[in-house]
Amino acid sequence: MSEQVHNRLSVVRAERKVTRRVLAEAVGAHYQTIGHIERGQYNPSLDLALRIAAYFGLPVEALFSLQPFTPLTDEVYGRKTS
């Protein structure tokens, strides 16, 4: 059973002003792999997900989830989606 892994990688990357290439080099991946992960076309291995989370200093569950993420504005401002 292969489930899609949802992620906030592009949001965090943009917020931190980190390019795909810089992130890829830091975690030992190809920059195109980072793009595939961001678009949901590739599920990262546990090892890669942990390396990405460590790079940003975040818990892995802040970046990756088996459930879709709610929009950050909803989380920050307490809005409920219907």
Protein backbone atom coordinates (compact mmCIF):
# COMPACT_ATOMS: atom_id res chain seq x y z
CA MET A 1 0.00 0.00 0.00
CA SER A 2 1.55 3.28 -1.12
CA GLU A 3 0.05 6.39 0.42
CA GLN A 4 0.86 9.92 -0.64
CA VAL A 5 2.97 11.83 1.82
CA HIS A 6 1.82 15.44 2.08
CA ASN A 7 4.40 18.10 2.76
CA ARG A 8 5.03 21.78 3.42
CA LEU A 9 8.50 21.71 2.00
CA SER A 10 8.06 24.46 -0.61
CA VAL A 11 6.48 26.78 1.99
CA VAL A 12 9.31 26.30 4.47
CA ARG A 13 11.95 26.57 1.75
CA ALA A 14 10.47 29.86 0.52
CA GLU A 15 10.15 31.20 4.05
CA ARG A 16 13.80 30.40 4.78
CA LYS A 17 14.94 31.54 1.30
CA VAL A 18 16.58 28.19 0.54
CA THR A 19 16.79 27.03 -3.08
CA ARG A 20 16.09 23.46 -4.11
CA ARG A 21 19.71 23.10 -5.13
CA VAL A 22 21.06 24.32 -1.76
CA LEU A 23 18.69 22.04 0.16
CA ALA A 24 19.51 19.08 -2.08
CA GLU A 25 23.25 19.54 -1.60
CA ALA A 26 22.82 19.86 2.17
CA VAL A 27 20.81 16.63 2.48
CA GLY A 28 22.61 14.57 -0.17
CA ALA A 29 19.84 14.48 -2.77
CA HIS A 30 19.39 15.71 -6.34
CA TYR A 31 17.64 19.08 -6.68
CA GLN A 32 15.02 17.49 -8.98
CA THR A 33 14.19 15.02 -6.20
CA ILE A 34 13.33 17.97 -3.95
CA GLY A 35 10.99 19.28 -6.66
CA HIS A 36 9.33 15.88 -7.04
CA ILE A 37 8.80 15.68 -3.28
CA GLU A 38 7.30 19.19 -3.18
CA ARG A 39 4.85 18.36 -5.97
CA GLY A 40 3.82 15.08 -4.34
CA GLN A 41 5.27 13.02 -7.18
CA TYR A 42 7.73 11.21 -4.92
CA ASN A 43 7.56 10.14 -1.29
CA PRO A 44 10.86 10.67 0.48
CA SER A 45 12.48 7.82 2.35
CA LEU A 46 12.39 8.10 6.12
CA ASP A 47 16.11 8.84 6.07
CA LEU A 48 15.69 11.71 3.58
CA ALA A 49 12.65 13.13 5.39
CA LEU A 50 14.61 13.16 8.66
CA ARG A 51 17.63 14.81 7.00
CA ILE A 52 15.40 17.53 5.50
CA ALA A 53 13.69 18.15 8.85
CA ALA A 54 17.07 18.32 10.61
CA TYR A 55 18.35 20.81 8.02
CA PHE A 56 15.48 23.16 8.89
CA GLY A 57 15.63 22.40 12.60
CA LEU A 58 12.03 21.22 12.61
CA PRO A 59 10.32 18.02 13.72
CA VAL A 60 9.64 15.77 10.75
CA GLU A 61 5.88 15.99 11.35
CA ALA A 62 6.05 19.77 10.80
CA LEU A 63 7.10 19.07 7.21
CA PHE A 64 5.56 15.71 6.31
CA SER A 65 2.21 14.06 7.02
CA LEU A 66 0.00 11.23 5.79
CA GLN A 67 -2.97 13.61 6.15
CA PRO A 68 -3.34 16.82 4.14
CA PHE A 69 -2.15 19.89 6.01
CA THR A 70 -4.59 22.67 6.81
CA PRO A 71 -3.54 26.02 5.39
CA LEU A 72 -1.03 27.78 7.62
CA THR A 73 -3.23 30.87 7.80
CA ASP A 74 -5.99 28.72 9.32
CA GLU A 75 -3.57 27.40 11.92
CA VAL A 76 -2.10 30.82 12.71
CA TYR A 77 -5.39 32.73 12.82
CA GLY A 78 -7.55 29.91 14.19
CA ARG A 79 -9.87 29.71 11.22
CA LYS A 80 -11.80 26.52 10.65
CA THR A 81 -12.19 25.08 7.16
CA SER A 82 -15.49 23.45 6.31
